[in-house]
Amino acid sequence: MKSVFVTVGTTSFDELISCFTSEDVIQALRELGYGRLVLQIGRGAVEPAPYSSAEFTLEVFRYKDSITEEIRTADLVISHAGAGSCLETLGAGTPLLVVVNDQLMNNHQLELARQLHRDGHLYYCTCRTLSDTLKTMDLSALNPFLPGQTEKFATFLDKAVGLQ
């Protein structure tokens, strides 16, 4: 059974978590062959009820000491655009879809997602376009994020947040 891991890191991104209570998004995942969805909801106020059926399972948790295992075993990670979450997922070689929080001011997350998408490492969207992006993305077209590219990533991040 293919699985999706959704993470918001240590932040709150209720809009993203709410997307996974939408029948449209759940249906898109099921049509793509995903039968297990794991939501890491951080400190958000939205906490969907876990459930399990023969066709689909939803698991929910706030925090764990490490989400490395969830990232490693997922067939797809859907994440906020936090640098740590992106780097860990790309480093594990797991396909990544970043959902940018367009409610943030001075949105460096969007710049980061755009650059990593230009380099072919991930797809990105907003909550409004999540369902359509799931239906149209081609995970086989993604380029691996090769070891040793962390310096390139750090340089880009420094520029994005105005440190260079």
Protein backbone atom coordinates (compact mmCIF):
# COMPACT_ATOMS: atom_id res chain seq x y z
CA MET A 1 0.00 0.00 0.00
CA LYS A 2 1.52 3.34 -1.08
CA SER A 3 1.78 6.00 1.62
CA VAL A 4 1.89 9.78 1.86
CA PHE A 5 3.51 11.60 4.76
CA VAL A 6 2.44 15.20 5.35
CA THR A 7 4.55 17.38 7.65
CA VAL A 8 4.27 20.94 8.90
CA GLY A 9 7.40 20.68 11.05
CA THR A 10 7.20 22.44 14.39
CA THR A 11 4.94 25.16 13.03
CA SER A 12 1.21 25.50 12.56
CA PHE A 13 -0.20 25.27 9.04
CA ASP A 14 -3.87 24.51 9.65
CA GLU A 15 -4.84 25.33 6.07
CA LEU A 16 -2.61 22.50 4.80
CA ILE A 17 -3.89 19.98 7.35
CA SER A 18 -7.48 21.00 6.51
CA CYS A 19 -6.81 20.10 2.87
CA PHE A 20 -6.56 16.48 3.95
CA THR A 21 -10.09 16.48 5.30
CA SER A 22 -11.29 17.49 1.82
CA GLU A 23 -12.91 14.68 -0.18
CA ASP A 24 -11.30 16.10 -3.36
CA VAL A 25 -7.76 15.67 -2.00
CA ILE A 26 -8.45 12.26 -0.44
CA GLN A 27 -10.00 11.10 -3.72
CA ALA A 28 -6.98 12.37 -5.69
CA LEU A 29 -4.66 10.39 -3.40
CA ARG A 30 -6.77 7.25 -3.70
CA GLU A 31 -6.87 7.55 -7.51
CA LEU A 32 -3.06 7.73 -7.48
CA GLY A 33 -2.93 4.47 -5.52
CA TYR A 34 -2.19 5.86 -2.06
CA GLY A 35 -3.90 3.97 0.74
CA ARG A 36 -2.14 5.37 3.80
CA LEU A 37 -1.90 9.02 4.86
CA VAL A 38 0.15 10.12 7.86
CA LEU A 39 -0.30 13.72 9.07
CA GLN A 40 2.24 15.41 11.34
CA ILE A 41 0.22 18.43 12.50
CA GLY A 42 2.71 20.30 14.71
CA ARG A 43 1.10 22.88 16.98
CA GLY A 44 -1.91 23.42 14.76
CA ALA A 45 -5.50 23.70 15.97
CA VAL A 46 -6.83 21.40 13.24
CA GLU A 47 -6.59 17.75 14.30
CA PRO A 48 -8.41 15.33 11.99
CA ALA A 49 -9.68 12.12 13.55
CA PRO A 50 -7.62 9.07 12.61
CA TYR A 51 -9.48 6.28 10.82
CA SER A 52 -8.88 3.04 9.04
CA SER A 53 -10.82 1.15 6.41
CA ALA A 54 -9.93 -1.56 3.93
CA GLU A 55 -9.18 1.10 1.29
CA PHE A 56 -7.64 3.99 3.25
CA THR A 57 -5.92 4.72 6.57
CA LEU A 58 -5.36 8.12 8.19
CA GLU A 59 -2.85 8.46 11.03
CA VAL A 60 -2.27 11.71 12.93
CA PHE A 61 0.42 12.88 15.37
CA ARG A 62 1.79 16.22 16.58
CA TYR A 63 5.50 15.59 17.13
CA LYS A 64 8.04 12.80 17.33
CA ASP A 65 11.70 12.97 18.28
CA SER A 66 12.46 12.19 14.65
CA ILE A 67 10.39 11.97 11.48
CA THR A 68 13.23 10.35 9.53
CA GLU A 69 11.46 6.98 9.42
CA GLU A 70 8.22 8.52 8.11
CA ILE A 71 10.15 10.36 5.39
CA ARG A 72 12.20 7.30 4.46
CA THR A 73 9.24 4.91 4.20
CA ALA A 74 6.80 7.29 2.46
CA ASP A 75 6.22 7.06 -1.27
CA LEU A 76 5.52 10.81 -1.28
CA VAL A 77 6.17 13.57 1.25
CA ILE A 78 3.96 16.65 1.21
CA SER A 79 5.54 19.38 3.29
CA HIS A 80 5.49 23.01 4.18
CA ALA A 81 8.46 24.77 2.61
CA GLY A 82 10.63 24.79 5.71
CA ALA A 83 14.29 24.39 4.80
CA GLY A 84 14.85 21.54 7.26
CA SER A 85 11.89 19.52 6.01
CA CYS A 86 12.90 20.06 2.38
CA LEU A 87 16.54 19.13 2.95
CA GLU A 88 15.73 16.02 4.97
CA THR A 89 13.21 14.76 2.42
CA LEU A 90 15.38 15.48 -0.61
CA GLY A 91 18.38 13.93 1.14
CA ALA A 92 16.38 10.75 1.75
CA GLY A 93 15.52 10.54 -1.95
CA THR A 94 11.78 10.61 -1.29
CA PRO A 95 9.62 12.48 -3.83
CA LEU A 96 8.54 15.85 -2.44
CA LEU A 97 5.58 18.14 -3.01
CA VAL A 98 5.90 21.43 -1.16
CA VAL A 99 2.79 23.37 -0.24
CA VAL A 100 3.68 27.02 0.22
CA ASN A 101 1.88 28.95 2.92
CA ASP A 102 0.85 32.02 0.94
CA GLN A 103 -0.39 33.70 4.14
CA LEU A 104 3.19 34.34 5.31
CA MET A 105 4.73 37.80 4.98
CA ASN A 106 8.15 38.08 3.27
CA ASN A 107 7.63 34.58 1.97
CA HIS A 108 11.10 33.06 1.66
CA GLN A 109 9.41 29.66 1.50
CA LEU A 110 8.07 30.49 -1.95
CA GLU A 111 11.54 31.50 -3.17
CA LEU A 112 13.01 28.25 -1.83
CA ALA A 113 10.27 26.10 -3.40
CA ARG A 114 10.59 27.88 -6.76
CA GLN A 115 14.35 27.37 -6.90
CA LEU A 116 14.20 23.70 -5.97
CA HIS A 117 11.42 23.25 -8.55
CA ARG A 118 13.50 25.02 -11.23
CA ASP A 119 16.30 22.58 -10.44
CA GLY A 120 13.81 19.72 -10.91
CA HIS A 121 13.96 18.41 -7.34
CA LEU A 122 10.34 18.89 -6.27
CA TYR A 123 6.89 20.13 -7.17
CA TYR A 124 5.23 22.97 -5.33
CA CYS A 125 1.76 24.44 -5.05
CA THR A 126 -0.55 26.26 -2.67
CA CYS A 127 -3.44 24.77 -0.70
CA ARG A 128 -5.81 26.03 -3.40
CA THR A 129 -3.97 24.13 -6.13
CA LEU A 130 -3.02 21.00 -4.14
CA SER A 131 -5.64 18.68 -5.63
CA ASP A 132 -4.85 19.71 -9.23
CA THR A 133 -1.10 19.42 -8.62
CA LEU A 134 -1.51 15.91 -7.21
CA LYS A 135 -3.42 14.91 -10.34
CA THR A 136 -0.90 16.36 -12.83
CA MET A 137 2.57 15.92 -11.29
CA ASP A 138 4.93 13.26 -12.61
CA LEU A 139 7.15 12.06 -9.77
CA SER A 140 9.32 10.06 -12.18
CA ALA A 141 10.44 13.35 -13.77
CA LEU A 142 12.08 14.62 -10.57
CA ASN A 143 15.88 14.93 -10.41
CA PRO A 144 17.63 13.41 -7.41
CA PHE A 145 19.10 15.87 -4.91
CA LEU A 146 22.63 14.57 -4.86
CA PRO A 147 24.75 14.36 -1.70
CA GLY A 148 27.09 17.31 -1.43
CA GLN A 149 24.53 19.81 -2.67
CA THR A 150 23.87 21.06 0.84
CA GLU A 151 26.40 23.87 0.33
CA LYS A 152 24.51 25.00 -2.78
CA PHE A 153 21.28 24.83 -0.78
CA ALA A 154 22.76 26.80 2.12
CA THR A 155 24.05 29.51 -0.23
CA PHE A 156 20.64 29.85 -1.85
CA LEU A 157 18.95 29.98 1.56
CA ASP A 158 21.36 32.68 2.78
CA LYS A 159 20.53 34.79 -0.30
CA ALA A 160 16.80 34.19 0.12
CA VAL A 161 16.77 35.42 3.71
CA GLY A 162 19.11 38.32 2.99
CA LEU A 163 22.29 37.10 4.67
CA GLN A 164 24.38 37.51 1.50
